[in-house]
Protein backbone atom coordinates (compact mmCIF):
# COMPACT_ATOMS: atom_id res chain seq x y z
CA UNK A 1 0.00 0.00 0.00
CA UNK A 2 1.52 3.35 -1.07
CA UNK A 3 1.46 6.10 1.54
CA UNK A 4 -0.05 9.21 0.02
CA UNK A 5 -1.52 10.86 3.11
CA UNK A 6 -1.82 10.10 6.83
CA UNK A 7 -5.63 9.77 6.85
CA UNK A 8 -7.45 7.49 4.42
CA UNK A 9 -11.18 7.57 3.67
CA UNK A 10 -13.60 6.15 1.10
CA UNK A 11 -12.30 8.82 -1.28
CA UNK A 12 -9.01 6.87 -1.34
CA UNK A 13 -10.13 3.23 -1.20
CA UNK A 14 -13.42 1.33 -0.91
CA UNK A 15 -14.57 0.99 2.70
CA UNK A 16 -14.30 -2.81 2.51
CA UNK A 17 -10.59 -2.53 1.59
CA UNK A 18 -9.96 -0.05 4.40
CA UNK A 19 -11.51 -2.41 6.95
CA UNK A 20 -9.59 -5.35 5.45
CA UNK A 21 -6.36 -3.38 5.97
CA UNK A 22 -7.42 -2.90 9.60
CA UNK A 23 -7.85 -6.65 10.01
CA UNK A 24 -4.36 -7.10 8.53
CA UNK A 25 -2.92 -4.65 11.05
CA UNK A 26 -1.91 -2.05 8.45
CA UNK A 27 -4.54 0.55 9.37
CA UNK A 28 -6.29 1.69 12.54
CA UNK A 29 -9.80 3.19 12.43
CA UNK A 30 -10.05 6.74 13.75
CA UNK A 31 -13.80 6.74 13.16
CA UNK A 32 -16.26 4.73 11.08
CA UNK A 33 -15.05 6.48 7.92
CA UNK A 34 -11.42 7.56 8.54
CA UNK A 35 -8.31 5.44 9.01
CA UNK A 36 -4.59 5.96 9.67
CA UNK A 37 -1.55 3.76 9.30
CA UNK A 38 -0.98 1.65 12.40
CA UNK A 39 2.47 3.10 13.11
CA UNK A 40 1.36 6.74 13.03
CA UNK A 41 0.64 8.61 16.28
CA UNK A 42 -2.82 10.11 16.68
CA UNK A 43 -1.94 13.80 16.81
CA UNK A 44 -4.38 16.74 16.70
CA UNK A 45 -3.39 17.27 13.05
CA UNK A 46 -4.22 13.67 12.14
CA UNK A 47 -7.55 13.81 14.00
CA UNK A 48 -8.47 17.10 12.29
CA UNK A 49 -7.71 15.53 8.91
CA UNK A 50 -9.99 12.63 9.85
CA UNK A 51 -12.92 15.04 10.27
CA UNK A 52 -12.13 16.99 7.09
CA UNK A 53 -14.05 14.70 4.68
CA UNK A 54 -17.37 15.60 6.36
CA UNK A 55 -16.71 19.34 6.45
CA UNK A 56 -18.46 21.65 4.04
CA UNK A 57 -17.21 25.01 2.85
CA UNK A 58 -16.18 27.34 5.72
CA UNK A 59 -17.19 24.81 8.38
CA UNK A 60 -15.48 24.65 11.75
CA UNK A 61 -14.95 21.61 13.96
CA UNK A 62 -16.56 22.21 17.36
CA UNK A 63 -17.90 20.70 20.60
CA UNK A 64 -17.20 16.97 21.13
CA UNK A 65 -15.53 16.69 17.73
CA UNK A 66 -13.17 19.55 18.64
CA UNK A 67 -12.57 17.92 22.04
CA UNK A 68 -11.51 14.76 20.19
CA UNK A 69 -9.24 16.71 17.83
CA UNK A 70 -7.57 18.39 20.82
CA UNK A 71 -7.09 14.99 22.47
CA UNK A 72 -9.59 15.37 25.33
CA UNK A 73 -11.73 12.46 24.09
CA UNK A 74 -10.33 9.02 23.43
CA UNK A 75 -12.75 8.09 20.63
CA UNK A 76 -14.20 10.14 17.83
CA UNK A 77 -17.89 10.97 18.13
CA UNK A 78 -20.06 8.82 15.87
CA UNK A 79 -21.68 11.98 14.48
CA UNK A 80 -19.34 14.96 14.22
CA UNK A 81 -20.46 18.41 15.33
CA UNK A 82 -19.37 21.22 13.07
CA UNK A 83 -20.28 24.87 12.95
CA UNK A 84 -20.70 27.54 10.35
CA UNK A 85 -20.45 31.19 11.30
CA UNK A 86 -23.82 32.90 11.31
CA UNK A 87 -22.74 35.22 8.49
CA UNK A 88 -21.82 32.16 6.36
CA UNK A 89 -24.93 30.17 7.23
CA UNK A 90 -26.30 27.66 4.78
CA UNK A 91 -28.51 24.62 4.72
CA UNK A 92 -25.55 22.33 4.12
CA UNK A 93 -25.58 19.10 6.09
CA UNK A 94 -24.08 15.66 5.88
CA UNK A 95 -25.15 12.29 7.22
CA UNK A 96 -22.06 12.14 9.48
CA UNK A 97 -22.40 15.64 10.94
CA UNK A 98 -24.61 17.92 12.94
CA UNK A 99 -24.24 21.46 11.58
CA UNK A 100 -24.92 24.44 13.83
CA UNK A 101 -24.93 28.16 13.11
CA UNK A 102 -22.77 30.03 15.62
CA UNK A 103 -21.40 33.44 16.44
CA UNK A 104 -17.68 33.21 17.09
CA UNK A 105 -15.38 35.96 18.31
CA UNK A 106 -11.81 36.64 17.28
CA UNK A 107 -9.62 34.08 19.02
CA UNK A 108 -12.39 31.44 19.39
CA UNK A 109 -10.81 29.22 16.73
CA UNK A 110 -7.40 27.92 15.82
CA UNK A 111 -6.13 26.26 12.67
CA UNK A 112 -4.88 22.67 12.82
CA UNK A 113 -3.59 21.08 9.61
CA UNK A 114 -5.28 23.88 7.68
CA UNK A 115 -8.66 23.15 9.31
CA UNK A 116 -10.49 25.58 11.58
CA UNK A 117 -11.26 24.17 15.04
CA UNK A 118 -12.65 25.87 18.12
CA UNK A 119 -9.93 26.49 20.71
CA UNK A 120 -9.70 24.32 23.81
CA UNK A 121 -11.14 27.15 25.91
CA UNK A 122 -14.09 27.80 23.58
CA UNK A 123 -14.70 24.05 23.26
CA UNK A 124 -14.79 23.63 27.05
CA UNK A 125 -17.19 26.57 27.41
CA UNK A 126 -19.46 25.20 24.67
CA UNK A 127 -19.57 21.74 26.24
CA UNK A 128 -20.30 23.24 29.67
CA UNK A 129 -23.17 25.33 28.23
CA UNK A 130 -24.77 22.42 26.40
CA UNK A 131 -28.24 21.18 27.41
CA UNK A 132 -27.04 17.60 27.04
CA UNK A 133 -24.15 18.07 29.49
CA UNK A 134 -23.59 14.99 31.63
CA UNK A 135 -21.23 15.62 34.55
CA UNK A 136 -19.87 12.06 34.66
CA UNK A 137 -19.16 11.97 30.93
CA UNK A 138 -18.31 15.62 30.21
CA UNK A 139 -16.61 17.03 33.32
CA UNK A 140 -13.36 15.09 32.76
CA UNK A 141 -13.35 16.26 29.13
CA UNK A 142 -13.83 19.89 30.17
CA UNK A 143 -11.04 19.62 32.76
CA UNK A 144 -8.64 18.13 30.24
CA UNK A 145 -9.45 20.81 27.68
CA UNK A 146 -8.53 23.40 30.30
CA UNK A 147 -5.29 21.74 31.41
CA UNK A 148 -3.23 24.57 29.91
CA UNK A 149 -5.51 27.37 31.09
CA UNK A 150 -7.85 27.41 34.07
CA UNK A 151 -10.67 29.07 35.95
CA UNK A 152 -9.40 32.68 35.74
CA UNK A 153 -9.18 32.45 31.94
CA UNK A 154 -12.68 30.92 31.76
CA UNK A 155 -14.12 33.59 34.02
CA UNK A 156 -12.48 36.33 31.94
CA UNK A 157 -13.71 34.75 28.69
CA UNK A 158 -17.29 34.48 29.96
CA UNK A 159 -17.23 38.05 31.32
CA UNK A 160 -16.26 39.33 27.87
CA UNK A 161 -18.83 37.18 26.01
CA UNK A 162 -21.85 39.45 26.37
CA UNK A 163 -24.54 37.53 24.50
CA UNK A 164 -23.45 33.96 25.22
CA UNK A 165 -26.38 31.99 26.69
CA UNK A 166 -26.04 29.93 29.90
CA UNK A 167 -22.80 31.58 31.07
CA UNK A 168 -23.50 31.18 34.79
CA UNK A 169 -24.35 27.50 34.33
CA UNK A 170 -21.19 26.97 32.27
CA UNK A 171 -19.02 28.63 34.92
CA UNK A 172 -20.54 26.42 37.64
CA UNK A 173 -19.91 23.27 35.63
CA UNK A 174 -16.37 24.32 34.73
CA UNK A 175 -15.62 25.15 38.37
CA UNK A 176 -16.92 21.75 39.48
CA UNK A 177 -14.89 19.97 36.78
CA UNK A 178 -11.66 21.74 37.70
CA UNK A 179 -12.22 21.22 41.44
CA UNK A 180 -12.83 17.50 40.93
CA UNK A 181 -9.70 17.25 38.77
CA UNK A 182 -7.63 19.12 41.39
CA UNK A 183 -8.82 16.87 44.22
CA UNK A 184 -8.06 13.54 42.65
CA UNK A 185 -10.01 13.29 39.44
CA UNK A 186 -12.43 10.63 38.37
CA UNK A 187 -12.29 6.90 38.97
CA UNK A 188 -13.40 6.07 35.41
CA UNK A 189 -11.60 7.96 32.66
CA UNK A 190 -12.73 5.70 29.82
CA UNK A 191 -14.32 8.62 27.99
CA UNK A 192 -11.23 10.79 28.20
CA UNK A 193 -7.82 10.84 26.70
CA UNK A 194 -6.48 7.55 28.01
CA UNK A 195 -3.19 6.95 26.26
CA UNK A 196 -3.67 9.51 23.52
CA UNK A 197 -0.79 11.94 23.34
CA UNK A 198 -1.50 15.62 23.64
CA UNK A 199 0.55 17.12 20.81
C-alpha atoms as a PDB file:
ATOM      1  CA  UNK A   1       0.000   0.000   0.000  1.00  0.00           C
ATOM      2  CA  UNK A   2       1.518   3.348  -1.075  1.00  0.00           C
ATOM      3  CA  UNK A   3       1.456   6.095   1.537  1.00  0.00           C
ATOM      4  CA  UNK A   4      -0.054   9.210   0.020  1.00  0.00           C
ATOM      5  CA  UNK A   5      -1.516  10.864   3.106  1.00  0.00           C
ATOM      6  CA  UNK A   6      -1.818  10.103   6.828  1.00  0.00           C
ATOM      7  CA  UNK A   7      -5.625   9.771   6.850  1.00  0.00           C
ATOM      8  CA  UNK A   8      -7.452   7.490   4.425  1.00  0.00           C
ATOM      9  CA  UNK A   9     -11.183   7.568   3.667  1.00  0.00           C
ATOM     10  CA  UNK A  10     -13.599   6.153   1.096  1.00  0.00           C
ATOM     11  CA  UNK A  11     -12.296   8.815  -1.284  1.00  0.00           C
ATOM     12  CA  UNK A  12      -9.008   6.870  -1.337  1.00  0.00           C
ATOM     13  CA  UNK A  13     -10.126   3.227  -1.195  1.00  0.00           C
ATOM     14  CA  UNK A  14     -13.417   1.332  -0.909  1.00  0.00           C
ATOM     15  CA  UNK A  15     -14.571   0.989   2.704  1.00  0.00           C
ATOM     16  CA  UNK A  16     -14.295  -2.814   2.506  1.00  0.00           C
ATOM     17  CA  UNK A  17     -10.588  -2.526   1.592  1.00  0.00           C
ATOM     18  CA  UNK A  18      -9.961  -0.055   4.398  1.00  0.00           C
ATOM     19  CA  UNK A  19     -11.511  -2.414   6.955  1.00  0.00           C
ATOM     20  CA  UNK A  20      -9.588  -5.355   5.451  1.00  0.00           C
ATOM     21  CA  UNK A  21      -6.364  -3.377   5.967  1.00  0.00           C
ATOM     22  CA  UNK A  22      -7.425  -2.901   9.602  1.00  0.00           C
ATOM     23  CA  UNK A  23      -7.850  -6.653  10.011  1.00  0.00           C
ATOM     24  CA  UNK A  24      -4.360  -7.101   8.529  1.00  0.00           C
ATOM     25  CA  UNK A  25      -2.922  -4.650  11.049  1.00  0.00           C
ATOM     26  CA  UNK A  26      -1.911  -2.047   8.448  1.00  0.00           C
ATOM     27  CA  UNK A  27      -4.535   0.553   9.367  1.00  0.00           C
ATOM     28  CA  UNK A  28      -6.292   1.691  12.538  1.00  0.00           C
ATOM     29  CA  UNK A  29      -9.801   3.188  12.430  1.00  0.00           C
ATOM     30  CA  UNK A  30     -10.053   6.742  13.748  1.00  0.00           C
ATOM     31  CA  UNK A  31     -13.797   6.738  13.156  1.00  0.00           C
ATOM     32  CA  UNK A  32     -16.256   4.725  11.078  1.00  0.00           C
ATOM     33  CA  UNK A  33     -15.046   6.477   7.920  1.00  0.00           C
ATOM     34  CA  UNK A  34     -11.420   7.558   8.536  1.00  0.00           C
ATOM     35  CA  UNK A  35      -8.310   5.439   9.010  1.00  0.00           C
ATOM     36  CA  UNK A  36      -4.591   5.961   9.669  1.00  0.00           C
ATOM     37  CA  UNK A  37      -1.554   3.760   9.299  1.00  0.00           C
ATOM     38  CA  UNK A  38      -0.983   1.652  12.397  1.00  0.00           C
ATOM     39  CA  UNK A  39       2.468   3.096  13.107  1.00  0.00           C
ATOM     40  CA  UNK A  40       1.363   6.744  13.033  1.00  0.00           C
ATOM     41  CA  UNK A  41       0.642   8.613  16.279  1.00  0.00           C
ATOM     42  CA  UNK A  42      -2.823  10.115  16.678  1.00  0.00           C
ATOM     43  CA  UNK A  43      -1.943  13.801  16.808  1.00  0.00           C
ATOM     44  CA  UNK A  44      -4.376  16.743  16.701  1.00  0.00           C
ATOM     45  CA  UNK A  45      -3.393  17.268  13.046  1.00  0.00           C
ATOM     46  CA  UNK A  46      -4.220  13.666  12.144  1.00  0.00           C
ATOM     47  CA  UNK A  47      -7.545  13.812  13.999  1.00  0.00           C
ATOM     48  CA  UNK A  48      -8.471  17.102  12.293  1.00  0.00           C
ATOM     49  CA  UNK A  49      -7.709  15.531   8.909  1.00  0.00           C
ATOM     50  CA  UNK A  50      -9.988  12.626   9.853  1.00  0.00           C
ATOM     51  CA  UNK A  51     -12.916  15.041  10.269  1.00  0.00           C
ATOM     52  CA  UNK A  52     -12.134  16.993   7.093  1.00  0.00           C
ATOM     53  CA  UNK A  53     -14.053  14.695   4.683  1.00  0.00           C
ATOM     54  CA  UNK A  54     -17.371  15.596   6.360  1.00  0.00           C
ATOM     55  CA  UNK A  55     -16.711  19.340   6.455  1.00  0.00           C
ATOM     56  CA  UNK A  56     -18.460  21.651   4.042  1.00  0.00           C
ATOM     57  CA  UNK A  57     -17.209  25.012   2.850  1.00  0.00           C
ATOM     58  CA  UNK A  58     -16.181  27.339   5.724  1.00  0.00           C
ATOM     59  CA  UNK A  59     -17.191  24.807   8.376  1.00  0.00           C
ATOM     60  CA  UNK A  60     -15.480  24.654  11.750  1.00  0.00           C
ATOM     61  CA  UNK A  61     -14.948  21.605  13.959  1.00  0.00           C
ATOM     62  CA  UNK A  62     -16.560  22.214  17.361  1.00  0.00           C
ATOM     63  CA  UNK A  63     -17.900  20.695  20.600  1.00  0.00           C
ATOM     64  CA  UNK A  64     -17.195  16.969  21.133  1.00  0.00           C
ATOM     65  CA  UNK A  65     -15.526  16.690  17.731  1.00  0.00           C
ATOM     66  CA  UNK A  66     -13.175  19.554  18.645  1.00  0.00           C
ATOM     67  CA  UNK A  67     -12.570  17.922  22.038  1.00  0.00           C
ATOM     68  CA  UNK A  68     -11.507  14.759  20.193  1.00  0.00           C
ATOM     69  CA  UNK A  69      -9.243  16.707  17.827  1.00  0.00           C
ATOM     70  CA  UNK A  70      -7.574  18.391  20.822  1.00  0.00           C
ATOM     71  CA  UNK A  71      -7.088  14.986  22.475  1.00  0.00           C
ATOM     72  CA  UNK A  72      -9.586  15.373  25.326  1.00  0.00           C
ATOM     73  CA  UNK A  73     -11.734  12.460  24.085  1.00  0.00           C
ATOM     74  CA  UNK A  74     -10.332   9.017  23.430  1.00  0.00           C
ATOM     75  CA  UNK A  75     -12.751   8.090  20.632  1.00  0.00           C
ATOM     76  CA  UNK A  76     -14.201  10.140  17.827  1.00  0.00           C
ATOM     77  CA  UNK A  77     -17.893  10.974  18.126  1.00  0.00           C
ATOM     78  CA  UNK A  78     -20.060   8.817  15.868  1.00  0.00           C
ATOM     79  CA  UNK A  79     -21.679  11.981  14.484  1.00  0.00           C
ATOM     80  CA  UNK A  80     -19.335  14.956  14.224  1.00  0.00           C
ATOM     81  CA  UNK A  81     -20.459  18.409  15.326  1.00  0.00           C
ATOM     82  CA  UNK A  82     -19.374  21.217  13.068  1.00  0.00           C
ATOM     83  CA  UNK A  83     -20.279  24.872  12.949  1.00  0.00           C
ATOM     84  CA  UNK A  84     -20.701  27.539  10.353  1.00  0.00           C
ATOM     85  CA  UNK A  85     -20.453  31.188  11.304  1.00  0.00           C
ATOM     86  CA  UNK A  86     -23.815  32.897  11.308  1.00  0.00           C
ATOM     87  CA  UNK A  87     -22.735  35.218   8.489  1.00  0.00           C
ATOM     88  CA  UNK A  88     -21.819  32.158   6.359  1.00  0.00           C
ATOM     89  CA  UNK A  89     -24.928  30.167   7.231  1.00  0.00           C
ATOM     90  CA  UNK A  90     -26.295  27.663   4.775  1.00  0.00           C
ATOM     91  CA  UNK A  91     -28.506  24.620   4.718  1.00  0.00           C
ATOM     92  CA  UNK A  92     -25.555  22.333   4.117  1.00  0.00           C
ATOM     93  CA  UNK A  93     -25.582  19.101   6.087  1.00  0.00           C
ATOM     94  CA  UNK A  94     -24.082  15.659   5.879  1.00  0.00           C
ATOM     95  CA  UNK A  95     -25.146  12.285   7.221  1.00  0.00           C
ATOM     96  CA  UNK A  96     -22.062  12.144   9.477  1.00  0.00           C
ATOM     97  CA  UNK A  97     -22.400  15.638  10.941  1.00  0.00           C
ATOM     98  CA  UNK A  98     -24.612  17.924  12.935  1.00  0.00           C
ATOM     99  CA  UNK A  99     -24.241  21.457  11.578  1.00  0.00           C
ATOM    100  CA  UNK A 100     -24.916  24.443  13.835  1.00  0.00           C
ATOM    101  CA  UNK A 101     -24.930  28.162  13.113  1.00  0.00           C
ATOM    102  CA  UNK A 102     -22.768  30.028  15.624  1.00  0.00           C
ATOM    103  CA  UNK A 103     -21.401  33.440  16.441  1.00  0.00           C
ATOM    104  CA  UNK A 104     -17.679  33.211  17.093  1.00  0.00           C
ATOM    105  CA  UNK A 105     -15.379  35.956  18.312  1.00  0.00           C
ATOM    106  CA  UNK A 106     -11.813  36.644  17.285  1.00  0.00           C
ATOM    107  CA  UNK A 107      -9.625  34.076  19.024  1.00  0.00           C
ATOM    108  CA  UNK A 108     -12.386  31.442  19.391  1.00  0.00           C
ATOM    109  CA  UNK A 109     -10.811  29.224  16.731  1.00  0.00           C
ATOM    110  CA  UNK A 110      -7.400  27.925  15.825  1.00  0.00           C
ATOM    111  CA  UNK A 111      -6.126  26.262  12.673  1.00  0.00           C
ATOM    112  CA  UNK A 112      -4.882  22.674  12.824  1.00  0.00           C
ATOM    113  CA  UNK A 113      -3.590  21.080   9.611  1.00  0.00           C
ATOM    114  CA  UNK A 114      -5.279  23.883   7.680  1.00  0.00           C
ATOM    115  CA  UNK A 115      -8.662  23.148   9.305  1.00  0.00           C
ATOM    116  CA  UNK A 116     -10.487  25.582  11.578  1.00  0.00           C
ATOM    117  CA  UNK A 117     -11.261  24.168  15.036  1.00  0.00           C
ATOM    118  CA  UNK A 118     -12.649  25.874  18.122  1.00  0.00           C
ATOM    119  CA  UNK A 119      -9.930  26.489  20.715  1.00  0.00           C
ATOM    120  CA  UNK A 120      -9.701  24.322  23.805  1.00  0.00           C
ATOM    121  CA  UNK A 121     -11.141  27.154  25.912  1.00  0.00           C
ATOM    122  CA  UNK A 122     -14.087  27.801  23.584  1.00  0.00           C
ATOM    123  CA  UNK A 123     -14.695  24.049  23.255  1.00  0.00           C
ATOM    124  CA  UNK A 124     -14.788  23.629  27.055  1.00  0.00           C
ATOM    125  CA  UNK A 125     -17.186  26.569  27.408  1.00  0.00           C
ATOM    126  CA  UNK A 126     -19.460  25.199  24.666  1.00  0.00           C
ATOM    127  CA  UNK A 127     -19.567  21.742  26.243  1.00  0.00           C
ATOM    128  CA  UNK A 128     -20.303  23.241  29.670  1.00  0.00           C
ATOM    129  CA  UNK A 129     -23.170  25.329  28.226  1.00  0.00           C
ATOM    130  CA  UNK A 130     -24.773  22.421  26.401  1.00  0.00           C
ATOM    131  CA  UNK A 131     -28.239  21.178  27.411  1.00  0.00           C
ATOM    132  CA  UNK A 132     -27.037  17.603  27.037  1.00  0.00           C
ATOM    133  CA  UNK A 133     -24.148  18.075  29.490  1.00  0.00           C
ATOM    134  CA  UNK A 134     -23.589  14.993  31.627  1.00  0.00           C
ATOM    135  CA  UNK A 135     -21.235  15.617  34.549  1.00  0.00           C
ATOM    136  CA  UNK A 136     -19.868  12.059  34.656  1.00  0.00           C
ATOM    137  CA  UNK A 137     -19.159  11.971  30.928  1.00  0.00           C
ATOM    138  CA  UNK A 138     -18.310  15.615  30.209  1.00  0.00           C
ATOM    139  CA  UNK A 139     -16.612  17.032  33.321  1.00  0.00           C
ATOM    140  CA  UNK A 140     -13.358  15.092  32.757  1.00  0.00           C
ATOM    141  CA  UNK A 141     -13.346  16.258  29.131  1.00  0.00           C
ATOM    142  CA  UNK A 142     -13.825  19.891  30.171  1.00  0.00           C
ATOM    143  CA  UNK A 143     -11.038  19.619  32.762  1.00  0.00           C
ATOM    144  CA  UNK A 144      -8.636  18.129  30.237  1.00  0.00           C
ATOM    145  CA  UNK A 145      -9.449  20.806  27.676  1.00  0.00           C
ATOM    146  CA  UNK A 146      -8.530  23.402  30.302  1.00  0.00           C
ATOM    147  CA  UNK A 147      -5.294  21.736  31.413  1.00  0.00           C
ATOM    148  CA  UNK A 148      -3.228  24.573  29.906  1.00  0.00           C
ATOM    149  CA  UNK A 149      -5.514  27.373  31.091  1.00  0.00           C
ATOM    150  CA  UNK A 150      -7.848  27.411  34.075  1.00  0.00           C
ATOM    151  CA  UNK A 151     -10.668  29.070  35.950  1.00  0.00           C
ATOM    152  CA  UNK A 152      -9.402  32.681  35.743  1.00  0.00           C
ATOM    153  CA  UNK A 153      -9.180  32.448  31.940  1.00  0.00           C
ATOM    154  CA  UNK A 154     -12.680  30.916  31.762  1.00  0.00           C
ATOM    155  CA  UNK A 155     -14.117  33.594  34.018  1.00  0.00           C
ATOM    156  CA  UNK A 156     -12.484  36.330  31.939  1.00  0.00           C
ATOM    157  CA  UNK A 157     -13.708  34.755  28.693  1.00  0.00           C
ATOM    158  CA  UNK A 158     -17.286  34.481  29.963  1.00  0.00           C
ATOM    159  CA  UNK A 159     -17.227  38.048  31.320  1.00  0.00           C
ATOM    160  CA  UNK A 160     -16.260  39.332  27.869  1.00  0.00           C
ATOM    161  CA  UNK A 161     -18.825  37.177  26.008  1.00  0.00           C
ATOM    162  CA  UNK A 162     -21.849  39.445  26.369  1.00  0.00           C
ATOM    163  CA  UNK A 163     -24.543  37.529  24.504  1.00  0.00           C
ATOM    164  CA  UNK A 164     -23.450  33.965  25.219  1.00  0.00           C
ATOM    165  CA  UNK A 165     -26.378  31.989  26.690  1.00  0.00           C
ATOM    166  CA  UNK A 166     -26.038  29.927  29.898  1.00  0.00           C
ATOM    167  CA  UNK A 167     -22.797  31.582  31.065  1.00  0.00           C
ATOM    168  CA  UNK A 168     -23.497  31.177  34.786  1.00  0.00           C
ATOM    169  CA  UNK A 169     -24.348  27.500  34.328  1.00  0.00           C
ATOM    170  CA  UNK A 170     -21.190  26.969  32.265  1.00  0.00           C
ATOM    171  CA  UNK A 171     -19.019  28.626  34.917  1.00  0.00           C
ATOM    172  CA  UNK A 172     -20.540  26.423  37.642  1.00  0.00           C
ATOM    173  CA  UNK A 173     -19.910  23.268  35.626  1.00  0.00           C
ATOM    174  CA  UNK A 174     -16.368  24.317  34.730  1.00  0.00           C
ATOM    175  CA  UNK A 175     -15.615  25.147  38.374  1.00  0.00           C
ATOM    176  CA  UNK A 176     -16.920  21.746  39.485  1.00  0.00           C
ATOM    177  CA  UNK A 177     -14.891  19.969  36.781  1.00  0.00           C
ATOM    178  CA  UNK A 178     -11.659  21.743  37.700  1.00  0.00           C
ATOM    179  CA  UNK A 179     -12.221  21.217  41.442  1.00  0.00           C
ATOM    180  CA  UNK A 180     -12.828  17.504  40.926  1.00  0.00           C
ATOM    181  CA  UNK A 181      -9.700  17.253  38.769  1.00  0.00           C
ATOM    182  CA  UNK A 182      -7.633  19.122  41.386  1.00  0.00           C
ATOM    183  CA  UNK A 183      -8.818  16.872  44.222  1.00  0.00           C
ATOM    184  CA  UNK A 184      -8.058  13.539  42.647  1.00  0.00           C
ATOM    185  CA  UNK A 185     -10.010  13.294  39.442  1.00  0.00           C
ATOM    186  CA  UNK A 186     -12.433  10.631  38.367  1.00  0.00           C
ATOM    187  CA  UNK A 187     -12.288   6.899  38.970  1.00  0.00           C
ATOM    188  CA  UNK A 188     -13.402   6.073  35.408  1.00  0.00           C
ATOM    189  CA  UNK A 189     -11.600   7.964  32.659  1.00  0.00           C
ATOM    190  CA  UNK A 190     -12.734   5.701  29.820  1.00  0.00           C
ATOM    191  CA  UNK A 191     -14.321   8.623  27.989  1.00  0.00           C
ATOM    192  CA  UNK A 192     -11.232  10.792  28.201  1.00  0.00           C
ATOM    193  CA  UNK A 193      -7.816  10.838  26.695  1.00  0.00           C
ATOM    194  CA  UNK A 194      -6.481   7.554  28.007  1.00  0.00           C
ATOM    195  CA  UNK A 195      -3.188   6.945  26.260  1.00  0.00           C
ATOM    196  CA  UNK A 196      -3.670   9.506  23.520  1.00  0.00           C
ATOM    197  CA  UNK A 197      -0.785  11.941  23.337  1.00  0.00           C
ATOM    198  CA  UNK A 198      -1.502  15.625  23.635  1.00  0.00           C
ATOM    199  CA  UNK A 199       0.549  17.118  20.808  1.00  0.00           C
END
